[in-house]
Amino acid sequence: MMTVFEKYLYYDRPTLAKAIAWYMMANGSLNTTEGNWRFSFSEIDELFGTDLEKGDVEMARMIEDELDPGIVLLDEMTLSIDGEEFDLNFGLMYAPNAWEGECHE
């Protein structure tokens, strides 16, 4: 049985797309060590109950639209539409675990 929150997100796809984009921005920038982080469609499907892996192109595009490149997110190279993953590139100064160069002190 779905919770009220899950039902709201299920029926309000734009809000769900925003939540997924926010999740990817937050987790990608916090976890990357080189400025790049990938989210598989299966990971997003499992966490948010989407059907990206089954070809929900509309939702993939909605998420992509929410991933507006700017200062933190340099660009997004989303999907081959037959779909495997979102591939995001973050500004290193906004990625606390990222480092440049050959040695990390």
C-alpha atoms as a PDB file:
ATOM      1  CA  MET A   1       0.000   0.000   0.000  1.00  0.00           C
ATOM      2  CA  MET A   2       1.286   3.452  -0.939  1.00  0.00           C
ATOM      3  CA  THR A   3       1.713   6.183   1.633  1.00  0.00           C
ATOM      4  CA  VAL A   4       0.027   9.537   1.043  1.00  0.00           C
ATOM      5  CA  PHE A   5       3.448  10.961   0.130  1.00  0.00           C
ATOM      6  CA  GLU A   6       4.104   8.195  -2.397  1.00  0.00           C
ATOM      7  CA  LYS A   7       0.666   8.697  -3.957  1.00  0.00           C
ATOM      8  CA  TYR A   8       1.278  12.437  -4.241  1.00  0.00           C
ATOM      9  CA  LEU A   9       4.625  11.915  -5.945  1.00  0.00           C
ATOM     10  CA  TYR A  10       3.206   9.207  -8.202  1.00  0.00           C
ATOM     11  CA  TYR A  11       0.489  11.471  -9.510  1.00  0.00           C
ATOM     12  CA  ASP A  12       2.552  14.647  -9.528  1.00  0.00           C
ATOM     13  CA  ARG A  13       5.310  13.697 -11.962  1.00  0.00           C
ATOM     14  CA  PRO A  14       6.884  17.175 -12.159  1.00  0.00           C
ATOM     15  CA  THR A  15       7.396  17.184  -8.388  1.00  0.00           C
ATOM     16  CA  LEU A  16       8.870  13.701  -8.539  1.00  0.00           C
ATOM     17  CA  ALA A  17      11.241  14.776 -11.337  1.00  0.00           C
ATOM     18  CA  LYS A  18      12.363  17.741  -9.190  1.00  0.00           C
ATOM     19  CA  ALA A  19      12.956  15.465  -6.192  1.00  0.00           C
ATOM     20  CA  ILE A  20      15.026  13.062  -8.292  1.00  0.00           C
ATOM     21  CA  ALA A  21      17.090  15.902  -9.775  1.00  0.00           C
ATOM     22  CA  TRP A  22      17.710  17.334  -6.308  1.00  0.00           C
ATOM     23  CA  TYR A  23      18.754  13.896  -5.041  1.00  0.00           C
ATOM     24  CA  MET A  24      21.199  13.460  -7.923  1.00  0.00           C
ATOM     25  CA  MET A  25      22.671  16.952  -7.487  1.00  0.00           C
ATOM     26  CA  ALA A  26      23.131  16.517  -3.737  1.00  0.00           C
ATOM     27  CA  ASN A  27      24.494  12.978  -3.774  1.00  0.00           C
ATOM     28  CA  GLY A  28      26.625  13.391  -6.876  1.00  0.00           C
ATOM     29  CA  SER A  29      28.363  16.530  -5.654  1.00  0.00           C
ATOM     30  CA  LEU A  30      28.968  15.030  -2.206  1.00  0.00           C
ATOM     31  CA  ASN A  31      30.297  11.696  -3.456  1.00  0.00           C
ATOM     32  CA  THR A  32      32.397  12.555  -6.486  1.00  0.00           C
ATOM     33  CA  THR A  33      36.167  12.672  -6.190  1.00  0.00           C
ATOM     34  CA  GLU A  34      36.796  13.710  -9.795  1.00  0.00           C
ATOM     35  CA  GLY A  35      33.792  15.862 -10.648  1.00  0.00           C
ATOM     36  CA  ASN A  36      31.760  13.155 -12.370  1.00  0.00           C
ATOM     37  CA  TRP A  37      28.996  10.956 -10.954  1.00  0.00           C
ATOM     38  CA  ARG A  38      26.638   8.519 -12.637  1.00  0.00           C
ATOM     39  CA  PHE A  39      23.196   7.382 -11.583  1.00  0.00           C
ATOM     40  CA  SER A  40      21.886   4.248 -13.224  1.00  0.00           C
ATOM     41  CA  PHE A  41      18.265   4.140 -14.243  1.00  0.00           C
ATOM     42  CA  SER A  42      17.832   1.026 -12.111  1.00  0.00           C
ATOM     43  CA  GLU A  43      19.107   2.911  -9.032  1.00  0.00           C
ATOM     44  CA  ILE A  44      16.630   5.755  -9.608  1.00  0.00           C
ATOM     45  CA  ASP A  45      13.811   3.269 -10.291  1.00  0.00           C
ATOM     46  CA  GLU A  46      14.534   1.449  -7.031  1.00  0.00           C
ATOM     47  CA  LEU A  47      14.733   4.618  -4.937  1.00  0.00           C
ATOM     48  CA  PHE A  48      11.824   6.529  -6.451  1.00  0.00           C
ATOM     49  CA  GLY A  49       9.538   3.919  -8.010  1.00  0.00           C
ATOM     50  CA  THR A  50       9.999   5.207 -11.552  1.00  0.00           C
ATOM     51  CA  ASP A  51      10.163   3.162 -14.756  1.00  0.00           C
ATOM     52  CA  LEU A  52      13.212   4.710 -16.428  1.00  0.00           C
ATOM     53  CA  GLU A  53      14.767   1.344 -17.140  1.00  0.00           C
ATOM     54  CA  LYS A  54      11.565   0.249 -18.868  1.00  0.00           C
ATOM     55  CA  GLY A  55      11.711   3.255 -21.181  1.00  0.00           C
ATOM     56  CA  ASP A  56       9.802   6.065 -19.444  1.00  0.00           C
ATOM     57  CA  VAL A  57      11.370   8.690 -21.706  1.00  0.00           C
ATOM     58  CA  GLU A  58       8.940  11.391 -20.582  1.00  0.00           C
ATOM     59  CA  MET A  59      10.129  11.111 -16.969  1.00  0.00           C
ATOM     60  CA  ALA A  60      13.780  10.981 -18.056  1.00  0.00           C
ATOM     61  CA  ARG A  61      13.273  14.224 -19.988  1.00  0.00           C
ATOM     62  CA  MET A  62      11.482  15.832 -17.049  1.00  0.00           C
ATOM     63  CA  ILE A  63      14.415  14.967 -14.782  1.00  0.00           C
ATOM     64  CA  GLU A  64      16.850  16.229 -17.404  1.00  0.00           C
ATOM     65  CA  ASP A  65      14.938  19.533 -17.573  1.00  0.00           C
ATOM     66  CA  GLU A  66      15.335  19.924 -13.801  1.00  0.00           C
ATOM     67  CA  LEU A  67      19.101  19.353 -14.040  1.00  0.00           C
ATOM     68  CA  ASP A  68      19.794  22.900 -15.105  1.00  0.00           C
ATOM     69  CA  PRO A  69      23.512  23.410 -15.655  1.00  0.00           C
ATOM     70  CA  GLY A  70      24.916  26.242 -13.605  1.00  0.00           C
ATOM     71  CA  ILE A  71      27.664  26.691 -11.046  1.00  0.00           C
ATOM     72  CA  VAL A  72      27.440  23.403  -9.145  1.00  0.00           C
ATOM     73  CA  LEU A  73      26.380  21.246 -12.084  1.00  0.00           C
ATOM     74  CA  LEU A  74      28.564  22.084 -15.068  1.00  0.00           C
ATOM     75  CA  ASP A  75      26.629  20.009 -17.538  1.00  0.00           C
ATOM     76  CA  GLU A  76      24.623  16.879 -17.771  1.00  0.00           C
ATOM     77  CA  MET A  77      25.143  14.227 -20.330  1.00  0.00           C
ATOM     78  CA  THR A  78      21.929  12.400 -19.924  1.00  0.00           C
ATOM     79  CA  LEU A  79      21.095   9.169 -21.412  1.00  0.00           C
ATOM     80  CA  SER A  80      21.135   7.368 -24.482  1.00  0.00           C
ATOM     81  CA  ILE A  81      17.349   7.201 -24.608  1.00  0.00           C
ATOM     82  CA  ASP A  82      17.400   3.433 -24.750  1.00  0.00           C
ATOM     83  CA  GLY A  83      18.601   4.284 -21.325  1.00  0.00           C
ATOM     84  CA  GLU A  84      21.159   3.243 -18.857  1.00  0.00           C
ATOM     85  CA  GLU A  85      22.140   6.221 -16.741  1.00  0.00           C
ATOM     86  CA  PHE A  86      22.422   9.916 -16.052  1.00  0.00           C
ATOM     87  CA  ASP A  87      26.031  11.134 -16.248  1.00  0.00           C
ATOM     88  CA  LEU A  88      26.617  14.416 -14.387  1.00  0.00           C
ATOM     89  CA  ASN A  89      29.655  16.710 -14.193  1.00  0.00           C
ATOM     90  CA  PHE A  90      30.082  18.925 -11.133  1.00  0.00           C
ATOM     91  CA  GLY A  91      32.196  21.997 -10.441  1.00  0.00           C
ATOM     92  CA  LEU A  92      35.065  20.763  -8.263  1.00  0.00           C
ATOM     93  CA  MET A  93      34.854  23.645  -5.808  1.00  0.00           C
ATOM     94  CA  TYR A  94      31.336  22.435  -4.930  1.00  0.00           C
ATOM     95  CA  ALA A  95      32.386  18.802  -4.554  1.00  0.00           C
ATOM     96  CA  PRO A  96      33.943  18.486  -1.078  1.00  0.00           C
ATOM     97  CA  ASN A  97      35.596  15.136  -1.804  1.00  0.00           C
ATOM     98  CA  ALA A  98      37.064  16.163  -5.160  1.00  0.00           C
ATOM     99  CA  TRP A  99      40.700  16.931  -5.641  1.00  0.00           C
ATOM    100  CA  GLU A 100      42.878  18.034  -8.488  1.00  0.00           C
ATOM    101  CA  GLY A 101      46.395  16.958  -9.360  1.00  0.00           C
ATOM    102  CA  GLU A 102      48.382  13.844  -8.686  1.00  0.00           C
ATOM    103  CA  CYS A 103      48.651  14.052  -4.939  1.00  0.00           C
ATOM    104  CA  HIS A 104      46.008  14.682  -2.354  1.00  0.00           C
ATOM    105  CA  GLU A 105      47.230  16.048   0.952  1.00  0.00           C
END
